[in-house]
Amino acid sequence: NITPDVRATAMSRYMLSEGLVMRALQAEYGVPIKRNVTAGSDDGFDGFFTFGNSTYVIEVKYFKNLSNRMVERGSLLRLSASIKDYGWKDAHIIFAQVFEGSVPAIDSQGLARLINEIETPFSIRRYSLKELEAQFGIGEA
């Protein structure tokens, strides 16, 4: 059973991960990112920004252990369907994965299947939470 303390800790680690990913992407693109955005009846996006003539939708997933391909596939399909429903032509998905430990190797066969299945262009960004914390001066000194 998951205790309330374990659940609260996992949620706080996820919230920290999401915040640090948004900061990293803001620094990379040099634009502000809107957080927790809904554009209609969808479940919403963790982040949203425009850069050039393109719209970017961000989804962040925190993993205490190894990545789960079913989570990736389901999230990417949901986001792609929402983007298609809204008629956004130049949209891209940034699927950010944050790992508690070291970043595992990517499953290239699984990625190839996703690329063939997902209609919207997407990129997968993989981060170590410890490295994000160090980058932004959070955590142990």
C-alpha atoms as a PDB file:
ATOM      1  CA  ASN A   1       0.000   0.000   0.000  1.00  0.00           C
ATOM      2  CA  ILE A   2       1.087   3.543  -0.712  1.00  0.00           C
ATOM      3  CA  THR A   3       1.034   5.674   2.409  1.00  0.00           C
ATOM      4  CA  PRO A   4      -0.011   9.337   2.313  1.00  0.00           C
ATOM      5  CA  ASP A   5       3.610  10.340   3.079  1.00  0.00           C
ATOM      6  CA  VAL A   6       4.953   8.339   0.134  1.00  0.00           C
ATOM      7  CA  ARG A   7       2.256   9.774  -2.133  1.00  0.00           C
ATOM      8  CA  ALA A   8       3.043  13.344  -0.970  1.00  0.00           C
ATOM      9  CA  THR A   9       6.774  12.821  -1.536  1.00  0.00           C
ATOM     10  CA  ALA A  10       6.208  11.456  -5.038  1.00  0.00           C
ATOM     11  CA  MET A  11       3.940  14.401  -5.873  1.00  0.00           C
ATOM     12  CA  SER A  12       6.481  16.909  -4.587  1.00  0.00           C
ATOM     13  CA  ARG A  13       9.254  15.241  -6.643  1.00  0.00           C
ATOM     14  CA  TYR A  14       7.021  15.404  -9.714  1.00  0.00           C
ATOM     15  CA  MET A  15       6.208  19.088  -9.106  1.00  0.00           C
ATOM     16  CA  LEU A  16       9.907  19.858  -8.655  1.00  0.00           C
ATOM     17  CA  SER A  17      10.709  17.951 -11.863  1.00  0.00           C
ATOM     18  CA  GLU A  18       8.062  19.811 -13.837  1.00  0.00           C
ATOM     19  CA  GLY A  19       9.208  23.201 -12.570  1.00  0.00           C
ATOM     20  CA  LEU A  20      12.859  22.526 -13.373  1.00  0.00           C
ATOM     21  CA  VAL A  21      12.055  21.227 -16.871  1.00  0.00           C
ATOM     22  CA  MET A  22      10.067  24.394 -17.575  1.00  0.00           C
ATOM     23  CA  ARG A  23      13.004  26.501 -16.397  1.00  0.00           C
ATOM     24  CA  ALA A  24      15.424  24.525 -18.585  1.00  0.00           C
ATOM     25  CA  LEU A  25      13.205  24.899 -21.667  1.00  0.00           C
ATOM     26  CA  GLN A  26      12.648  28.610 -20.996  1.00  0.00           C
ATOM     27  CA  ALA A  27      16.413  29.072 -20.853  1.00  0.00           C
ATOM     28  CA  GLU A  28      16.906  27.033 -24.034  1.00  0.00           C
ATOM     29  CA  TYR A  29      14.252  28.803 -26.129  1.00  0.00           C
ATOM     30  CA  GLY A  30      14.422  32.215 -24.463  1.00  0.00           C
ATOM     31  CA  VAL A  31      10.641  32.549 -24.187  1.00  0.00           C
ATOM     32  CA  PRO A  32       8.178  32.369 -21.287  1.00  0.00           C
ATOM     33  CA  ILE A  33       6.243  29.132 -20.909  1.00  0.00           C
ATOM     34  CA  LYS A  34       2.599  29.061 -19.849  1.00  0.00           C
ATOM     35  CA  ARG A  35       1.992  26.256 -17.391  1.00  0.00           C
ATOM     36  CA  ASN A  36      -0.976  23.941 -16.876  1.00  0.00           C
ATOM     37  CA  VAL A  37      -2.841  25.133 -19.956  1.00  0.00           C
ATOM     38  CA  THR A  38      -6.118  23.844 -21.334  1.00  0.00           C
ATOM     39  CA  ALA A  39      -7.256  24.815 -24.788  1.00  0.00           C
ATOM     40  CA  GLY A  40     -10.688  23.228 -24.709  1.00  0.00           C
ATOM     41  CA  SER A  41     -12.121  19.991 -23.408  1.00  0.00           C
ATOM     42  CA  ASP A  42      -8.783  18.136 -23.319  1.00  0.00           C
ATOM     43  CA  ASP A  43      -6.872  17.168 -20.166  1.00  0.00           C
ATOM     44  CA  GLY A  44      -4.528  20.104 -20.699  1.00  0.00           C
ATOM     45  CA  PHE A  45      -0.832  20.497 -21.210  1.00  0.00           C
ATOM     46  CA  ASP A  46       1.918  20.839 -18.616  1.00  0.00           C
ATOM     47  CA  GLY A  47       3.381  23.679 -20.658  1.00  0.00           C
ATOM     48  CA  PHE A  48       2.764  25.700 -23.811  1.00  0.00           C
ATOM     49  CA  PHE A  49       4.753  28.284 -25.749  1.00  0.00           C
ATOM     50  CA  THR A  50       5.260  29.685 -29.214  1.00  0.00           C
ATOM     51  CA  PHE A  51       8.644  30.054 -30.864  1.00  0.00           C
ATOM     52  CA  GLY A  52       8.967  31.423 -34.371  1.00  0.00           C
ATOM     53  CA  ASN A  53       5.836  30.315 -36.204  1.00  0.00           C
ATOM     54  CA  SER A  54       5.457  27.112 -34.207  1.00  0.00           C
ATOM     55  CA  THR A  55       3.421  26.080 -31.186  1.00  0.00           C
ATOM     56  CA  TYR A  56       5.057  23.839 -28.604  1.00  0.00           C
ATOM     57  CA  VAL A  57       3.172  21.651 -26.152  1.00  0.00           C
ATOM     58  CA  ILE A  58       5.127  20.221 -23.214  1.00  0.00           C
ATOM     59  CA  GLU A  59       4.349  17.066 -21.292  1.00  0.00           C
ATOM     60  CA  VAL A  60       6.505  16.177 -18.268  1.00  0.00           C
ATOM     61  CA  LYS A  61       6.705  12.712 -16.735  1.00  0.00           C
ATOM     62  CA  TYR A  62       8.662  11.909 -13.583  1.00  0.00           C
ATOM     63  CA  PHE A  63      10.046   8.398 -13.168  1.00  0.00           C
ATOM     64  CA  LYS A  64      11.381   7.086  -9.907  1.00  0.00           C
ATOM     65  CA  ASN A  65      12.471   3.991 -11.813  1.00  0.00           C
ATOM     66  CA  LEU A  66      12.772   3.140 -15.492  1.00  0.00           C
ATOM     67  CA  SER A  67      10.567   4.620 -18.201  1.00  0.00           C
ATOM     68  CA  ASN A  68       7.233   3.035 -19.043  1.00  0.00           C
ATOM     69  CA  ARG A  69       6.561   2.876 -22.790  1.00  0.00           C
ATOM     70  CA  MET A  70       2.808   2.686 -22.240  1.00  0.00           C
ATOM     71  CA  VAL A  71       2.864   6.052 -20.452  1.00  0.00           C
ATOM     72  CA  GLU A  72       4.818   7.587 -23.332  1.00  0.00           C
ATOM     73  CA  ARG A  73       2.547   6.178 -26.007  1.00  0.00           C
ATOM     74  CA  GLY A  74      -0.681   7.148 -24.247  1.00  0.00           C
ATOM     75  CA  SER A  75       0.493  10.674 -23.495  1.00  0.00           C
ATOM     76  CA  LEU A  76       1.792  11.270 -27.004  1.00  0.00           C
ATOM     77  CA  LEU A  77      -1.400   9.921 -28.608  1.00  0.00           C
ATOM     78  CA  ARG A  78      -3.560  12.134 -26.360  1.00  0.00           C
ATOM     79  CA  LEU A  79      -1.512  15.261 -27.076  1.00  0.00           C
ATOM     80  CA  SER A  80      -1.359  14.571 -30.808  1.00  0.00           C
ATOM     81  CA  ALA A  81      -5.140  14.077 -30.953  1.00  0.00           C
ATOM     82  CA  SER A  82      -5.727  17.361 -29.093  1.00  0.00           C
ATOM     83  CA  ILE A  83      -3.391  19.238 -31.425  1.00  0.00           C
ATOM     84  CA  LYS A  84      -5.160  17.759 -34.448  1.00  0.00           C
ATOM     85  CA  ASP A  85      -8.587  18.660 -33.006  1.00  0.00           C
ATOM     86  CA  TYR A  86      -7.485  22.272 -32.560  1.00  0.00           C
ATOM     87  CA  GLY A  87      -6.192  22.435 -36.126  1.00  0.00           C
ATOM     88  CA  TRP A  88      -2.742  23.589 -35.058  1.00  0.00           C
ATOM     89  CA  LYS A  89      -0.616  23.113 -38.176  1.00  0.00           C
ATOM     90  CA  ASP A  90       2.899  23.919 -36.939  1.00  0.00           C
ATOM     91  CA  ALA A  91       2.709  22.256 -33.541  1.00  0.00           C
ATOM     92  CA  HIS A  92       5.372  20.183 -31.845  1.00  0.00           C
ATOM     93  CA  ILE A  93       5.307  18.087 -28.691  1.00  0.00           C
ATOM     94  CA  ILE A  94       8.184  18.148 -26.232  1.00  0.00           C
ATOM     95  CA  PHE A  95       7.879  15.025 -24.115  1.00  0.00           C
ATOM     96  CA  ALA A  96      10.179  15.531 -21.119  1.00  0.00           C
ATOM     97  CA  GLN A  97      11.160  12.582 -18.960  1.00  0.00           C
ATOM     98  CA  VAL A  98      12.785  13.205 -15.597  1.00  0.00           C
ATOM     99  CA  PHE A  99      14.487  10.311 -13.842  1.00  0.00           C
ATOM    100  CA  GLU A 100      15.263  10.125 -10.135  1.00  0.00           C
ATOM    101  CA  GLY A 101      18.458   8.204 -10.850  1.00  0.00           C
ATOM    102  CA  SER A 102      20.611   8.120 -13.930  1.00  0.00           C
ATOM    103  CA  VAL A 103      18.977   8.507 -17.328  1.00  0.00           C
ATOM    104  CA  PRO A 104      18.531   5.059 -18.921  1.00  0.00           C
ATOM    105  CA  ALA A 105      19.342   4.345 -22.549  1.00  0.00           C
ATOM    106  CA  ILE A 106      16.481   5.038 -24.923  1.00  0.00           C
ATOM    107  CA  ASP A 107      14.666   2.096 -26.506  1.00  0.00           C
ATOM    108  CA  SER A 108      15.380   2.828 -30.175  1.00  0.00           C
ATOM    109  CA  GLN A 109      12.915   0.208 -31.446  1.00  0.00           C
ATOM    110  CA  GLY A 110      10.163   1.588 -29.233  1.00  0.00           C
ATOM    111  CA  LEU A 111      10.998   5.116 -30.377  1.00  0.00           C
ATOM    112  CA  ALA A 112      10.840   4.081 -34.038  1.00  0.00           C
ATOM    113  CA  ARG A 113       7.355   2.634 -33.449  1.00  0.00           C
ATOM    114  CA  LEU A 114       6.240   5.870 -31.747  1.00  0.00           C
ATOM    115  CA  ILE A 115       7.580   7.987 -34.605  1.00  0.00           C
ATOM    116  CA  ASN A 116       5.517   5.935 -37.067  1.00  0.00           C
ATOM    117  CA  GLU A 117       2.383   6.065 -34.904  1.00  0.00           C
ATOM    118  CA  ILE A 118       2.268   9.690 -33.656  1.00  0.00           C
ATOM    119  CA  GLU A 119       1.073  12.209 -36.253  1.00  0.00           C
ATOM    120  CA  THR A 120       2.433  15.333 -34.568  1.00  0.00           C
ATOM    121  CA  PRO A 121       6.199  15.957 -34.652  1.00  0.00           C
ATOM    122  CA  PHE A 122       7.694  15.353 -31.218  1.00  0.00           C
ATOM    123  CA  SER A 123      10.965  15.269 -29.385  1.00  0.00           C
ATOM    124  CA  ILE A 124      11.805  13.374 -26.239  1.00  0.00           C
ATOM    125  CA  ARG A 125      13.963  15.194 -23.718  1.00  0.00           C
ATOM    126  CA  ARG A 126      15.481  13.119 -20.935  1.00  0.00           C
ATOM    127  CA  TYR A 127      16.801  14.625 -17.737  1.00  0.00           C
ATOM    128  CA  SER A 128      18.309  13.472 -14.473  1.00  0.00           C
ATOM    129  CA  LEU A 129      16.561  15.222 -11.580  1.00  0.00           C
ATOM    130  CA  LYS A 130      19.899  15.515  -9.788  1.00  0.00           C
ATOM    131  CA  GLU A 131      21.444  17.288 -12.802  1.00  0.00           C
ATOM    132  CA  LEU A 132      18.476  19.667 -13.119  1.00  0.00           C
ATOM    133  CA  GLU A 133      18.751  20.477  -9.410  1.00  0.00           C
ATOM    134  CA  ALA A 134      22.473  21.202  -9.820  1.00  0.00           C
ATOM    135  CA  GLN A 135      21.860  23.327 -12.929  1.00  0.00           C
ATOM    136  CA  PHE A 136      19.447  25.565 -11.034  1.00  0.00           C
ATOM    137  CA  GLY A 137      21.174  25.497  -7.627  1.00  0.00           C
ATOM    138  CA  ILE A 138      18.567  23.433  -5.806  1.00  0.00           C
ATOM    139  CA  GLY A 139      19.254  20.696  -3.292  1.00  0.00           C
ATOM    140  CA  GLU A 140      22.480  19.853  -1.564  1.00  0.00           C
ATOM    141  CA  ALA A 141      25.200  22.493  -1.599  1.00  0.00           C
END
